């Protein structure tokens, strides 16, 4: 049976009869969870299982944004709080080691409830004056440091049986507004973008998945955000950065994009996006996205299969010892 090139959200902690029938009919490639979907560990585990049952694929990806800090969908009382990315950037020589351990612990939390993809690491490199939508989510303000810590986070996640999604390719760090609320336009030169914004993604271009930025880069394509720009995807993301993994859109419901949901999806796929992401669980919106979304086929299917093929059982971990080591490292840094 065919699979639609979609990742979709759901409304609550359990699936309604309408959602179950809709997902069974649409057969999205995967799903994404948000805080509204998170209850007890048993509830989350039941939800991830129910989502997979609706499409008949036990290995279907279930994603979450679990970065730490402001962007952490699973937290107390059932799971630990993790620090924002900038905390690791302040650790100097131990940054990569501690970030890798933190990501390994996060992966344990996620995998234990059936989540197998984390939308991290954040490889955006902020500049002075940019909107704080990235802010302390970034590992630092130097491309080299961001790349090194991002690599460690990706390694920690994969060691725990969870696939990483680097974001927001090719870079959200210069955006002067929040793309959830409006369309950022970056005026920097191509040379500056290559050296600063694009560099961490180029260094991690071998990772299996990436999420696009709803950002206009005026020096390259002044009329379309990267998510809907063939020039940005073909010339920058695929050719210059060298990324041949699965490219998913950022959330199509964000206000950086305009037009009907069918139009938003069609524009993203025409530009070269492999899989469209819609997050808010609104079925009326999802139906529009479905109308503009093809079946997963060709290079997009190849990339999707290659990503899932990288999933491995988690490596051995003494959980209590690892948590104590991680806490000690953070306390010493503080």
Protein backbone atom coordinates (compact mmCIF):
# COMPACT_ATOMS: atom_id res chain seq x y z
CA UNK A 1 0.00 0.00 0.00
CA UNK A 2 1.15 3.54 -0.70
CA UNK A 3 2.36 5.98 1.94
CA UNK A 4 1.68 9.70 1.76
CA UNK A 5 4.68 12.06 2.04
CA UNK A 6 3.35 13.52 5.28
CA UNK A 7 4.07 13.84 8.98
CA UNK A 8 0.94 14.80 10.94
CA UNK A 9 -0.05 15.73 14.48
CA UNK A 10 -3.06 14.71 16.53
CA UNK A 11 -5.25 16.70 18.89
CA UNK A 12 -4.89 15.07 22.29
CA UNK A 13 -3.60 12.20 24.41
CA UNK A 14 -5.77 9.60 22.69
CA UNK A 15 -7.03 9.27 19.13
CA UNK A 16 -10.62 10.11 18.33
CA UNK A 17 -12.63 7.88 16.02
CA UNK A 18 -12.41 10.62 13.37
CA UNK A 19 -8.62 10.80 13.66
CA UNK A 20 -8.26 7.04 13.50
CA UNK A 21 -10.33 6.84 10.32
CA UNK A 22 -8.53 9.83 8.81
CA UNK A 23 -5.03 8.47 9.43
CA UNK A 24 -6.06 5.03 8.20
CA UNK A 25 -7.30 6.59 4.96
CA UNK A 26 -4.41 9.03 4.44
CA UNK A 27 -1.56 6.72 5.56
CA UNK A 28 1.01 9.39 6.45
CA UNK A 29 4.68 8.43 6.63
CA UNK A 30 4.87 9.50 10.26
CA UNK A 31 3.51 11.53 13.16
CA UNK A 32 4.67 14.27 15.52
CA UNK A 33 3.77 14.80 19.18
CA UNK A 34 3.50 18.04 21.15
CA UNK A 35 2.94 18.86 24.80
CA UNK A 36 -0.84 18.56 24.31
CA UNK A 37 -0.27 14.87 23.54
CA UNK A 38 1.90 14.11 26.57
CA UNK A 39 0.43 12.48 29.67
CA UNK A 40 1.95 9.71 31.75
CA UNK A 41 4.58 7.41 30.22
CA UNK A 42 1.92 4.72 29.81
CA UNK A 43 -0.38 7.17 28.01
CA UNK A 44 2.35 8.30 25.62
CA UNK A 45 3.33 4.70 24.94
CA UNK A 46 -0.29 3.81 24.19
CA UNK A 47 -0.62 6.81 21.86
CA UNK A 48 2.51 6.02 19.83
CA UNK A 49 1.33 2.43 19.48
CA UNK A 50 -2.16 3.53 18.42
CA UNK A 51 -0.73 5.89 15.80
CA UNK A 52 1.33 3.10 14.26
CA UNK A 53 -1.61 0.70 14.32
CA UNK A 54 -3.74 3.14 12.29
CA UNK A 55 -1.31 2.96 9.36
CA UNK A 56 -0.20 -0.65 9.85
CA UNK A 57 3.52 0.11 10.16
CA UNK A 58 5.31 -0.85 13.35
CA UNK A 59 8.41 1.12 12.32
CA UNK A 60 6.59 4.35 11.42
CA UNK A 61 8.50 7.40 12.65
CA UNK A 62 7.02 9.24 15.61
CA UNK A 63 8.71 12.61 16.09
CA UNK A 64 8.94 15.14 18.89
CA UNK A 65 10.76 18.42 19.54
CA UNK A 66 12.86 17.56 22.58
CA UNK A 67 15.76 20.02 22.65
CA UNK A 68 15.83 21.01 26.31
CA UNK A 69 15.17 24.45 27.76
CA UNK A 70 12.18 26.22 26.21
CA UNK A 71 11.56 23.48 23.67
CA UNK A 72 10.92 20.32 25.67
CA UNK A 73 7.61 18.56 25.15
CA UNK A 74 8.27 15.88 27.78
CA UNK A 75 9.28 17.11 31.23
CA UNK A 76 8.56 16.88 34.94
CA UNK A 77 7.04 15.14 36.76
CA UNK A 78 7.60 12.09 34.57
CA UNK A 79 10.84 13.06 32.84
CA UNK A 80 13.81 15.25 33.76
CA UNK A 81 14.29 18.84 32.69
CA UNK A 82 17.20 19.32 30.31
CA UNK A 83 19.11 22.57 29.81
CA UNK A 84 18.90 24.73 26.68
CA UNK A 85 21.50 24.25 23.99
CA UNK A 86 23.44 27.37 24.97
CA UNK A 87 24.36 25.71 28.28
CA UNK A 88 26.53 23.19 26.43
CA UNK A 89 28.19 25.95 24.44
CA UNK A 90 29.48 27.43 27.70
CA UNK A 91 31.28 24.25 28.75
CA UNK A 92 34.35 24.83 26.58
CA UNK A 93 36.46 21.66 26.42
CA UNK A 94 33.76 19.33 27.79
CA UNK A 95 30.91 20.68 25.65
CA UNK A 96 30.68 17.82 23.17
CA UNK A 97 31.06 15.11 25.82
CA UNK A 98 28.34 16.53 28.06
CA UNK A 99 26.01 17.31 25.15
CA UNK A 100 26.41 13.76 23.83
CA UNK A 101 25.53 12.33 27.25
CA UNK A 102 22.52 14.62 27.59
CA UNK A 103 21.24 13.55 24.19
CA UNK A 104 21.77 9.90 25.07
CA UNK A 105 19.64 10.38 28.18
CA UNK A 106 16.95 12.17 26.18
CA UNK A 107 16.95 9.31 23.70
CA UNK A 108 16.34 6.88 26.55
CA UNK A 109 13.30 8.92 27.65
CA UNK A 110 11.91 9.06 24.11
CA UNK A 111 12.55 5.47 23.07
CA UNK A 112 10.97 4.15 26.27
CA UNK A 113 7.60 5.55 25.14
CA UNK A 114 7.87 4.65 21.45
CA UNK A 115 9.28 7.92 20.04
CA UNK A 116 12.06 7.23 17.55
CA UNK A 117 12.85 10.64 16.00
CA UNK A 118 13.90 13.84 17.77
CA UNK A 119 13.82 17.21 15.98
CA UNK A 120 17.31 18.14 17.14
CA UNK A 121 20.10 19.25 16.93
CA UNK A 122 19.45 22.95 16.35
CA UNK A 123 22.25 24.11 14.03
CA UNK A 124 21.17 27.73 13.71
CA UNK A 125 23.86 30.31 14.51
CA UNK A 126 22.36 33.52 15.94
CA UNK A 127 23.71 36.99 15.19
CA UNK A 128 23.36 40.18 17.19
CA UNK A 129 19.95 41.77 16.72
CA UNK A 130 18.19 38.59 15.59
CA UNK A 131 14.83 37.57 17.04
CA UNK A 132 15.15 35.39 20.15
CA UNK A 133 13.00 32.59 18.70
CA UNK A 134 16.33 30.75 18.45
CA UNK A 135 18.20 32.52 21.25
CA UNK A 136 19.45 30.09 23.87
CA UNK A 137 18.27 27.13 21.80
CA UNK A 138 21.50 27.63 19.82
CA UNK A 139 24.68 25.96 21.03
CA UNK A 140 26.67 29.13 20.47
CA UNK A 141 27.37 32.00 18.10
CA UNK A 142 30.29 30.42 16.22
CA UNK A 143 29.59 28.01 13.38
CA UNK A 144 32.43 25.67 14.35
CA UNK A 145 31.22 25.27 17.92
CA UNK A 146 27.61 24.79 16.84
CA UNK A 147 28.67 22.07 14.40
CA UNK A 148 30.79 20.24 16.97
CA UNK A 149 28.09 20.22 19.66
CA UNK A 150 25.41 19.42 17.09
CA UNK A 151 27.41 16.40 15.97
CA UNK A 152 27.67 15.22 19.57
CA UNK A 153 23.91 15.60 20.10
CA UNK A 154 23.19 13.62 16.94
CA UNK A 155 25.56 10.87 18.07
CA UNK A 156 23.96 10.71 21.51
CA UNK A 157 20.48 10.39 20.07
CA UNK A 158 21.46 7.68 17.61
CA UNK A 159 23.24 5.72 20.34
CA UNK A 160 19.92 5.69 22.17
CA UNK A 161 17.95 4.38 19.19
CA UNK A 162 16.52 7.74 18.12
CA UNK A 163 17.12 9.48 14.78
CA UNK A 164 18.13 13.17 14.76
CA UNK A 165 16.61 15.89 12.57
CA UNK A 166 18.92 18.87 12.11
CA UNK A 167 17.13 22.20 11.93
CA UNK A 168 16.42 24.71 10.51
CA UNK A 169 18.28 24.17 7.26
CA UNK A 170 19.94 26.27 5.82
CA UNK A 171 19.89 28.49 8.95
CA UNK A 172 17.40 30.49 11.02
CA UNK A 173 19.92 32.38 13.16
CA UNK A 174 19.67 35.76 11.37
CA UNK A 175 15.87 35.91 11.28
CA UNK A 176 14.52 39.19 12.63
CA UNK A 177 11.07 37.76 13.34
CA UNK A 178 9.58 34.49 14.56
CA UNK A 179 8.55 32.38 11.56
CA UNK A 180 5.66 31.02 13.62
CA UNK A 181 4.18 34.52 13.39
CA UNK A 182 5.56 36.10 10.20
CA UNK A 183 7.95 35.63 7.29
CA UNK A 184 11.59 36.49 8.11
CA UNK A 185 13.66 38.03 5.31
CA UNK A 186 17.43 37.77 5.64
CA UNK A 187 19.40 40.32 3.61
CA UNK A 188 22.92 38.95 4.23
CA UNK A 189 25.20 38.27 1.29
CA UNK A 190 25.68 34.78 -0.09
CA UNK A 191 29.29 34.89 1.11
CA UNK A 192 28.25 35.68 4.68
CA UNK A 193 25.59 33.00 4.65
CA UNK A 194 28.02 30.39 3.35
CA UNK A 195 30.61 31.17 5.99
CA UNK A 196 28.30 31.54 8.98
CA UNK A 197 24.74 30.24 8.59
CA UNK A 198 25.20 27.34 6.19
CA UNK A 199 28.47 26.05 7.66
CA UNK A 200 27.11 23.82 10.48
CA UNK A 201 24.68 22.13 8.09
CA UNK A 202 27.50 21.51 5.62
CA UNK A 203 29.57 19.94 8.41
CA UNK A 204 26.68 17.61 9.34
CA UNK A 205 25.36 16.98 5.83
CA UNK A 206 25.69 13.23 6.37
CA UNK A 207 22.85 13.19 8.95
CA UNK A 208 19.72 11.35 7.85
CA UNK A 209 17.09 14.09 8.15
CA UNK A 210 16.74 17.86 8.16
CA UNK A 211 13.92 20.36 8.67
CA UNK A 212 13.67 23.38 6.38
CA UNK A 213 13.55 27.03 7.42
CA UNK A 214 10.57 29.22 6.56
CA UNK A 215 13.01 32.06 5.85
CA UNK A 216 13.63 34.15 2.73
CA UNK A 217 17.33 34.56 1.84
CA UNK A 218 17.09 37.63 -0.38
CA UNK A 219 20.55 37.30 -1.93
CA UNK A 220 19.58 33.88 -3.33
CA UNK A 221 15.79 33.89 -3.79
CA UNK A 222 14.05 37.09 -2.75
CA UNK A 223 10.54 35.85 -3.50
CA UNK A 224 10.19 32.54 -1.63
CA UNK A 225 11.13 31.06 1.76
CA UNK A 226 13.57 28.16 1.60
CA UNK A 227 10.77 25.64 2.21
CA UNK A 228 9.12 26.68 -1.06
CA UNK A 229 12.17 27.72 -3.09
CA UNK A 230 13.52 25.32 -5.70
CA UNK A 231 16.64 27.43 -6.01
CA UNK A 232 17.33 27.26 -2.26
CA UNK A 233 16.73 23.53 -2.11
CA UNK A 234 18.58 22.53 -5.29
CA UNK A 235 21.46 25.03 -5.31
CA UNK A 236 22.01 25.54 -1.59
CA UNK A 237 20.67 22.61 0.46
CA UNK A 238 21.37 19.80 -2.01
CA UNK A 239 24.37 21.16 -3.96
CA UNK A 240 26.31 23.66 -1.82
CA UNK A 241 25.58 22.16 1.60
CA UNK A 242 25.62 18.65 0.13
CA UNK A 243 22.66 17.25 2.05
CA UNK A 244 21.09 14.19 0.40
CA UNK A 245 19.05 13.03 3.38
CA UNK A 246 15.31 13.32 3.92
CA UNK A 247 14.24 16.97 3.78
CA UNK A 248 11.04 17.73 5.66
CA UNK A 249 9.31 21.08 5.80
CA UNK A 250 8.89 23.00 8.99
CA UNK A 251 5.25 23.15 10.09
CA UNK A 252 3.02 24.21 7.19
CA UNK A 253 0.58 25.85 9.62
CA UNK A 254 3.09 28.54 10.62
CA UNK A 255 2.24 32.11 9.67
CA UNK A 256 5.43 32.57 7.67
CA UNK A 257 3.54 30.79 4.88
CA UNK A 258 0.44 32.06 3.11
CA UNK A 259 -2.25 30.63 0.87
CA UNK A 260 -4.47 27.61 1.33
CA UNK A 261 -3.02 24.54 2.95
CA UNK A 262 -3.17 22.75 -0.38
CA UNK A 263 -1.22 25.61 -1.96
CA UNK A 264 1.38 25.57 0.84
CA UNK A 265 1.97 21.85 0.39
CA UNK A 266 2.07 21.99 -3.40
CA UNK A 267 4.60 24.83 -3.34
CA UNK A 268 6.85 22.91 -0.93
CA UNK A 269 6.80 19.74 -3.02
CA UNK A 270 7.33 21.69 -6.24
CA UNK A 271 10.45 23.17 -4.65
CA UNK A 272 11.86 19.77 -3.72
CA UNK A 273 10.71 19.03 -0.16
CA UNK A 274 10.52 15.26 0.45
CA UNK A 275 7.96 15.19 3.27
CA UNK A 276 5.52 17.85 4.48
CA UNK A 277 5.02 18.49 8.19
CA UNK A 278 1.72 19.68 9.70
CA UNK A 279 1.64 19.88 13.47
CA UNK A 280 -1.46 21.33 15.12
CA UNK A 281 -3.79 18.35 14.78
CA UNK A 282 -6.57 20.33 13.06
CA UNK A 283 -8.21 17.86 10.69
CA UNK A 284 -9.70 20.55 8.44
CA UNK A 285 -6.22 21.96 7.81
CA UNK A 286 -4.75 18.50 7.38
CA UNK A 287 -7.29 17.66 4.69
CA UNK A 288 -6.07 20.64 2.70
CA UNK A 289 -2.44 19.56 3.12
CA UNK A 290 -3.36 16.06 1.97
CA UNK A 291 -4.84 17.48 -1.23
CA UNK A 292 -1.47 18.99 -2.09
CA UNK A 293 0.70 16.03 -1.04
CA UNK A 294 1.88 13.19 -3.29
CA UNK A 295 2.59 9.62 -2.35
CA UNK A 296 6.09 8.98 -1.05
CA UNK A 297 8.04 7.81 -4.11
CA UNK A 298 11.28 8.18 -6.06
CA UNK A 299 14.19 9.93 -4.34
CA UNK A 300 11.97 10.96 -1.42
CA UNK A 301 11.13 7.30 -0.72
CA UNK A 302 14.79 6.33 -1.08
CA UNK A 303 15.80 8.96 1.46
CA UNK A 304 13.00 8.02 3.85
CA UNK A 305 13.95 4.35 3.73
CA UNK A 306 17.64 5.18 4.16
CA UNK A 307 16.88 7.24 7.26
CA UNK A 308 14.81 4.54 8.94
CA UNK A 309 17.45 1.94 8.07
CA UNK A 310 19.82 3.78 10.43
CA UNK A 311 17.67 3.03 13.47
CA UNK A 312 19.52 0.68 15.78
CA UNK A 313 18.78 -0.75 19.22
CA UNK A 314 20.02 1.50 21.99
CA UNK A 315 23.52 0.91 23.30
CA UNK A 316 23.97 -0.26 26.88
CA UNK A 317 23.49 2.46 29.48
CA UNK A 318 23.72 2.50 33.26
CA UNK A 319 20.90 5.01 33.59
CA UNK A 320 21.48 6.02 37.21
CA UNK A 321 25.20 6.49 36.69
CA UNK A 322 24.67 8.43 33.46
CA UNK A 323 22.16 10.79 35.06
CA UNK A 324 24.50 11.39 38.00
CA UNK A 325 27.44 12.09 35.69
CA UNK A 326 25.36 14.48 33.61
CA UNK A 327 24.07 16.36 36.67
CA UNK A 328 27.58 16.65 38.10
CA UNK A 329 28.95 18.07 34.84
CA UNK A 330 26.20 20.69 34.70
CA UNK A 331 26.66 21.60 38.37
CA UNK A 332 30.41 22.07 37.91
CA UNK A 333 29.82 24.27 34.88
CA UNK A 334 27.32 26.39 36.81
